[in-house]
Amino acid sequence: METLKKDALDAISKLPESATIEEIMYRLYVIDKVRKGQEAVNRGDVHSPEDIKLEMRKW
């Protein structure tokens, strides 16, 4: 697995030179959310489609 720093540098390097700080921050935010999602899956902290459907019916 790549390090967080390497992922961040790679993502930033792929942005155009004209990228704003907001675009850079958003890209890093997405990387963070994806990593956290992958960690949750690895821990088994997930919900089945059936669980989600039941929860949505309560809305």
PDB file of N, CA and C in Angstrom:
ATOM      1  N   MET A   1       0.841  -1.184   0.000  1.00  0.00           N
ATOM      2  CA  MET A   1       0.000   0.000   0.000  1.00  0.00           C
ATOM      3  C   MET A   1       0.881   1.239   0.000  1.00  0.00           C
ATOM      4  N   GLU A   2       0.490   2.194  -0.792  1.00  0.00           N
ATOM      5  CA  GLU A   2       1.260   3.421  -0.859  1.00  0.00           C
ATOM      6  C   GLU A   2       1.033   4.252   0.395  1.00  0.00           C
ATOM      7  N   THR A   3       1.978   5.091   0.673  1.00  0.00           N
ATOM      8  CA  THR A   3       1.830   5.953   1.834  1.00  0.00           C
ATOM      9  C   THR A   3       0.884   7.107   1.519  1.00  0.00           C
ATOM     10  N   LEU A   4       0.333   7.664   2.543  1.00  0.00           N
ATOM     11  CA  LEU A   4      -0.566   8.803   2.370  1.00  0.00           C
ATOM     12  C   LEU A   4       0.146   9.960   1.687  1.00  0.00           C
ATOM     13  N   LYS A   5       1.368  10.215   2.090  1.00  0.00           N
ATOM     14  CA  LYS A   5       2.127  11.315   1.498  1.00  0.00           C
ATOM     15  C   LYS A   5       2.333  11.085   0.006  1.00  0.00           C
ATOM     16  N   LYS A   6       2.662   9.868  -0.378  1.00  0.00           N
ATOM     17  CA  LYS A   6       2.873   9.566  -1.798  1.00  0.00           C
ATOM     18  C   LYS A   6       1.575   9.735  -2.570  1.00  0.00           C
ATOM     19  N   ASP A   7       0.466   9.255  -1.999  1.00  0.00           N
ATOM     20  CA  ASP A   7      -0.833   9.432  -2.657  1.00  0.00           C
ATOM     21  C   ASP A   7      -1.154  10.910  -2.847  1.00  0.00           C
ATOM     22  N   ALA A   8      -0.892  11.708  -1.824  1.00  0.00           N
ATOM     23  CA  ALA A   8      -1.182  13.138  -1.898  1.00  0.00           C
ATOM     24  C   ALA A   8      -0.314  13.814  -2.956  1.00  0.00           C
ATOM     25  N   LEU A   9       0.969  13.519  -2.943  1.00  0.00           N
ATOM     26  CA  LEU A   9       1.867  14.123  -3.923  1.00  0.00           C
ATOM     27  C   LEU A   9       1.509  13.702  -5.345  1.00  0.00           C
ATOM     28  N   ASP A  10       1.146  12.448  -5.514  1.00  0.00           N
ATOM     29  CA  ASP A  10       0.758  11.952  -6.832  1.00  0.00           C
ATOM     30  C   ASP A  10      -0.496  12.665  -7.324  1.00  0.00           C
ATOM     31  N   ALA A  11      -1.488  12.801  -6.448  1.00  0.00           N
ATOM     32  CA  ALA A  11      -2.736  13.467  -6.827  1.00  0.00           C
ATOM     33  C   ALA A  11      -2.495  14.931  -7.182  1.00  0.00           C
ATOM     34  N   ILE A  12      -1.689  15.596  -6.395  1.00  0.00           N
ATOM     35  CA  ILE A  12      -1.406  17.009  -6.650  1.00  0.00           C
ATOM     36  C   ILE A  12      -0.628  17.172  -7.949  1.00  0.00           C
ATOM     37  N   SER A  13       0.311  16.280  -8.198  1.00  0.00           N
ATOM     38  CA  SER A  13       1.127  16.400  -9.420  1.00  0.00           C
ATOM     39  C   SER A  13       0.296  16.216 -10.685  1.00  0.00           C
ATOM     40  N   LYS A  14      -0.842  15.533 -10.584  1.00  0.00           N
ATOM     41  CA  LYS A  14      -1.697  15.321 -11.752  1.00  0.00           C
ATOM     42  C   LYS A  14      -2.633  16.495 -12.034  1.00  0.00           C
ATOM     43  N   LEU A  15      -2.725  17.421 -11.095  1.00  0.00           N
ATOM     44  CA  LEU A  15      -3.569  18.596 -11.305  1.00  0.00           C
ATOM     45  C   LEU A  15      -2.861  19.580 -12.237  1.00  0.00           C
ATOM     46  N   PRO A  16      -3.630  20.387 -12.950  1.00  0.00           N
ATOM     47  CA  PRO A  16      -3.001  21.393 -13.816  1.00  0.00           C
ATOM     48  C   PRO A  16      -2.279  22.460 -12.990  1.00  0.00           C
ATOM     49  N   GLU A  17      -1.326  23.110 -13.596  1.00  0.00           N
ATOM     50  CA  GLU A  17      -0.576  24.168 -12.901  1.00  0.00           C
ATOM     51  C   GLU A  17      -1.495  25.276 -12.403  1.00  0.00           C
ATOM     52  N   SER A  18      -2.632  25.430 -13.049  1.00  0.00           N
ATOM     53  CA  SER A  18      -3.566  26.499 -12.673  1.00  0.00           C
ATOM     54  C   SER A  18      -4.522  26.090 -11.553  1.00  0.00           C
ATOM     55  N   ALA A  19      -4.320  24.913 -10.968  1.00  0.00           N
ATOM     56  CA  ALA A  19      -5.225  24.437  -9.916  1.00  0.00           C
ATOM     57  C   ALA A  19      -5.242  25.399  -8.740  1.00  0.00           C
ATOM     58  N   THR A  20      -6.435  25.585  -8.196  1.00  0.00           N
ATOM     59  CA  THR A  20      -6.581  26.458  -7.030  1.00  0.00           C
ATOM     60  C   THR A  20      -6.345  25.654  -5.751  1.00  0.00           C
ATOM     61  N   ILE A  21      -6.175  26.356  -4.657  1.00  0.00           N
ATOM     62  CA  ILE A  21      -5.995  25.691  -3.372  1.00  0.00           C
ATOM     63  C   ILE A  21      -7.246  24.878  -3.028  1.00  0.00           C
ATOM     64  N   GLU A  22      -8.415  25.383  -3.441  1.00  0.00           N
ATOM     65  CA  GLU A  22      -9.658  24.653  -3.180  1.00  0.00           C
ATOM     66  C   GLU A  22      -9.674  23.324  -3.934  1.00  0.00           C
ATOM     67  N   GLU A  23      -9.196  23.311  -5.171  1.00  0.00           N
ATOM     68  CA  GLU A  23      -9.141  22.066  -5.947  1.00  0.00           C
ATOM     69  C   GLU A  23      -8.158  21.071  -5.323  1.00  0.00           C
ATOM     70  N   ILE A  24      -7.039  21.587  -4.857  1.00  0.00           N
ATOM     71  CA  ILE A  24      -6.049  20.728  -4.203  1.00  0.00           C
ATOM     72  C   ILE A  24      -6.635  20.145  -2.917  1.00  0.00           C
ATOM     73  N   MET A  25      -7.270  20.986  -2.126  1.00  0.00           N
ATOM     74  CA  MET A  25      -7.854  20.521  -0.869  1.00  0.00           C
ATOM     75  C   MET A  25      -8.957  19.497  -1.123  1.00  0.00           C
ATOM     76  N   TYR A  26      -9.768  19.719  -2.160  1.00  0.00           N
ATOM     77  CA  TYR A  26     -10.829  18.772  -2.473  1.00  0.00           C
ATOM     78  C   TYR A  26     -10.235  17.425  -2.879  1.00  0.00           C
ATOM     79  N   ARG A  27      -9.199  17.438  -3.678  1.00  0.00           N
ATOM     80  CA  ARG A  27      -8.565  16.181  -4.101  1.00  0.00           C
ATOM     81  C   ARG A  27      -8.039  15.422  -2.884  1.00  0.00           C
ATOM     82  N   LEU A  28      -7.428  16.131  -1.945  1.00  0.00           N
ATOM     83  CA  LEU A  28      -6.925  15.485  -0.733  1.00  0.00           C
ATOM     84  C   LEU A  28      -8.074  14.973   0.139  1.00  0.00           C
ATOM     85  N   TYR A  29      -9.161  15.713   0.171  1.00  0.00           N
ATOM     86  CA  TYR A  29     -10.351  15.295   0.913  1.00  0.00           C
ATOM     87  C   TYR A  29     -10.887  13.972   0.361  1.00  0.00           C
ATOM     88  N   VAL A  30     -10.957  13.880  -0.961  1.00  0.00           N
ATOM     89  CA  VAL A  30     -11.458  12.654  -1.593  1.00  0.00           C
ATOM     90  C   VAL A  30     -10.539  11.480  -1.270  1.00  0.00           C
ATOM     91  N   ILE A  31      -9.229  11.697  -1.352  1.00  0.00           N
ATOM     92  CA  ILE A  31      -8.275  10.637  -1.014  1.00  0.00           C
ATOM     93  C   ILE A  31      -8.507  10.165   0.418  1.00  0.00           C
ATOM     94  N   ASP A  32      -8.708  11.098   1.338  1.00  0.00           N
ATOM     95  CA  ASP A  32      -8.947  10.757   2.735  1.00  0.00           C
ATOM     96  C   ASP A  32     -10.212   9.919   2.889  1.00  0.00           C
ATOM     97  N   LYS A  33     -11.295  10.310   2.232  1.00  0.00           N
ATOM     98  CA  LYS A  33     -12.559   9.587   2.351  1.00  0.00           C
ATOM     99  C   LYS A  33     -12.447   8.188   1.756  1.00  0.00           C
ATOM    100  N   VAL A  34     -11.757   8.050   0.627  1.00  0.00           N
ATOM    101  CA  VAL A  34     -11.588   6.729   0.012  1.00  0.00           C
ATOM    102  C   VAL A  34     -10.772   5.833   0.935  1.00  0.00           C
ATOM    103  N   ARG A  35      -9.680   6.368   1.486  1.00  0.00           N
ATOM    104  CA  ARG A  35      -8.854   5.570   2.413  1.00  0.00           C
ATOM    105  C   ARG A  35      -9.664   5.114   3.626  1.00  0.00           C
ATOM    106  N   LYS A  36     -10.452   6.023   4.192  1.00  0.00           N
ATOM    107  CA  LYS A  36     -11.262   5.669   5.355  1.00  0.00           C
ATOM    108  C   LYS A  36     -12.302   4.622   4.996  1.00  0.00           C
ATOM    109  N   GLY A  37     -12.867   4.706   3.793  1.00  0.00           N
ATOM    110  CA  GLY A  37     -13.814   3.697   3.347  1.00  0.00           C
ATOM    111  C   GLY A  37     -13.151   2.344   3.180  1.00  0.00           C
ATOM    112  N   GLN A  38     -11.959   2.341   2.616  1.00  0.00           N
ATOM    113  CA  GLN A  38     -11.228   1.079   2.455  1.00  0.00           C
ATOM    114  C   GLN A  38     -10.885   0.473   3.809  1.00  0.00           C
ATOM    115  N   GLU A  39     -10.498   1.308   4.764  1.00  0.00           N
ATOM    116  CA  GLU A  39     -10.189   0.811   6.107  1.00  0.00           C
ATOM    117  C   GLU A  39     -11.437   0.226   6.767  1.00  0.00           C
ATOM    118  N   ALA A  40     -12.596   0.861   6.573  1.00  0.00           N
ATOM    119  CA  ALA A  40     -13.843   0.356   7.150  1.00  0.00           C
ATOM    120  C   ALA A  40     -14.179  -1.010   6.562  1.00  0.00           C
ATOM    121  N   VAL A  41     -13.986  -1.159   5.259  1.00  0.00           N
ATOM    122  CA  VAL A  41     -14.256  -2.449   4.620  1.00  0.00           C
ATOM    123  C   VAL A  41     -13.317  -3.505   5.181  1.00  0.00           C
ATOM    124  N   ASN A  42     -12.048  -3.161   5.331  1.00  0.00           N
ATOM    125  CA  ASN A  42     -11.075  -4.115   5.869  1.00  0.00           C
ATOM    126  C   ASN A  42     -11.420  -4.542   7.294  1.00  0.00           C
ATOM    127  N   ARG A  43     -12.029  -3.637   8.076  1.00  0.00           N
ATOM    128  CA  ARG A  43     -12.448  -3.964   9.437  1.00  0.00           C
ATOM    129  C   ARG A  43     -13.765  -4.723   9.456  1.00  0.00           C
ATOM    130  N   GLY A  44     -14.444  -4.777   8.323  1.00  0.00           N
ATOM    131  CA  GLY A  44     -15.752  -5.420   8.274  1.00  0.00           C
ATOM    132  C   GLY A  44     -16.869  -4.504   8.720  1.00  0.00           C
ATOM    133  N   ASP A  45     -16.578  -3.224   8.806  1.00  0.00           N
ATOM    134  CA  ASP A  45     -17.549  -2.233   9.248  1.00  0.00           C
ATOM    135  C   ASP A  45     -18.331  -1.719   8.037  1.00  0.00           C
ATOM    136  N   VAL A  46     -19.187  -2.583   7.501  1.00  0.00           N
ATOM    137  CA  VAL A  46     -19.950  -2.247   6.308  1.00  0.00           C
ATOM    138  C   VAL A  46     -21.416  -2.610   6.514  1.00  0.00           C
ATOM    139  N   HIS A  47     -22.266  -2.121   5.644  1.00  0.00           N
ATOM    140  CA  HIS A  47     -23.696  -2.403   5.692  1.00  0.00           C
ATOM    141  C   HIS A  47     -24.099  -3.104   4.406  1.00  0.00           C
ATOM    142  N   SER A  48     -24.938  -4.092   4.534  1.00  0.00           N
ATOM    143  CA  SER A  48     -25.409  -4.816   3.355  1.00  0.00           C
ATOM    144  C   SER A  48     -26.437  -3.959   2.617  1.00  0.00           C
ATOM    145  N   PRO A  49     -26.647  -4.245   1.340  1.00  0.00           N
ATOM    146  CA  PRO A  49     -27.693  -3.524   0.606  1.00  0.00           C
ATOM    147  C   PRO A  49     -29.062  -3.658   1.269  1.00  0.00           C
ATOM    148  N   GLU A  50     -29.323  -4.810   1.870  1.00  0.00           N
ATOM    149  CA  GLU A  50     -30.600  -5.011   2.547  1.00  0.00           C
ATOM    150  C   GLU A  50     -30.731  -4.073   3.756  1.00  0.00           C
ATOM    151  N   ASP A  51     -29.639  -3.924   4.515  1.00  0.00           N
ATOM    152  CA  ASP A  51     -29.652  -2.995   5.655  1.00  0.00           C
ATOM    153  C   ASP A  51     -29.943  -1.573   5.193  1.00  0.00           C
ATOM    154  N   ILE A  52     -29.335  -1.182   4.098  1.00  0.00           N
ATOM    155  CA  ILE A  52     -29.531   0.177   3.572  1.00  0.00           C
ATOM    156  C   ILE A  52     -30.976   0.365   3.125  1.00  0.00           C
ATOM    157  N   LYS A  53     -31.527  -0.631   2.440  1.00  0.00           N
ATOM    158  CA  LYS A  53     -32.919  -0.530   1.987  1.00  0.00           C
ATOM    159  C   LYS A  53     -33.864  -0.393   3.176  1.00  0.00           C
ATOM    160  N   LEU A  54     -33.623  -1.165   4.231  1.00  0.00           N
ATOM    161  CA  LEU A  54     -34.465  -1.065   5.430  1.00  0.00           C
ATOM    162  C   LEU A  54     -34.343   0.316   6.062  1.00  0.00           C
ATOM    163  N   GLU A  55     -33.153   0.823   6.114  1.00  0.00           N
ATOM    164  CA  GLU A  55     -32.938   2.158   6.685  1.00  0.00           C
ATOM    165  C   GLU A  55     -33.615   3.238   5.860  1.00  0.00           C
ATOM    166  N   MET A  56     -33.568   3.106   4.541  1.00  0.00           N
ATOM    167  CA  MET A  56     -34.187   4.104   3.661  1.00  0.00           C
ATOM    168  C   MET A  56     -35.701   4.114   3.796  1.00  0.00           C
ATOM    169  N   ARG A  57     -36.284   2.967   4.102  1.00  0.00           N
ATOM    170  CA  ARG A  57     -37.747   2.912   4.283  1.00  0.00           C
ATOM    171  C   ARG A  57     -38.191   3.746   5.470  1.00  0.00           C
ATOM    172  N   LYS A  58     -37.303   3.953   6.432  1.00  0.00           N
ATOM    173  CA  LYS A  58     -37.642   4.770   7.616  1.00  0.00           C
ATOM    174  C   LYS A  58     -37.695   6.255   7.285  1.00  0.00           C
ATOM    175  N   TRP A  59     -37.128   6.650   6.163  1.00  0.00           N
ATOM    176  CA  TRP A  59     -37.113   8.059   5.792  1.00  0.00           C
ATOM    177  C   TRP A  59     -38.503   8.456   5.411  1.00  0.00           C
TER     178      TRP A  59
END
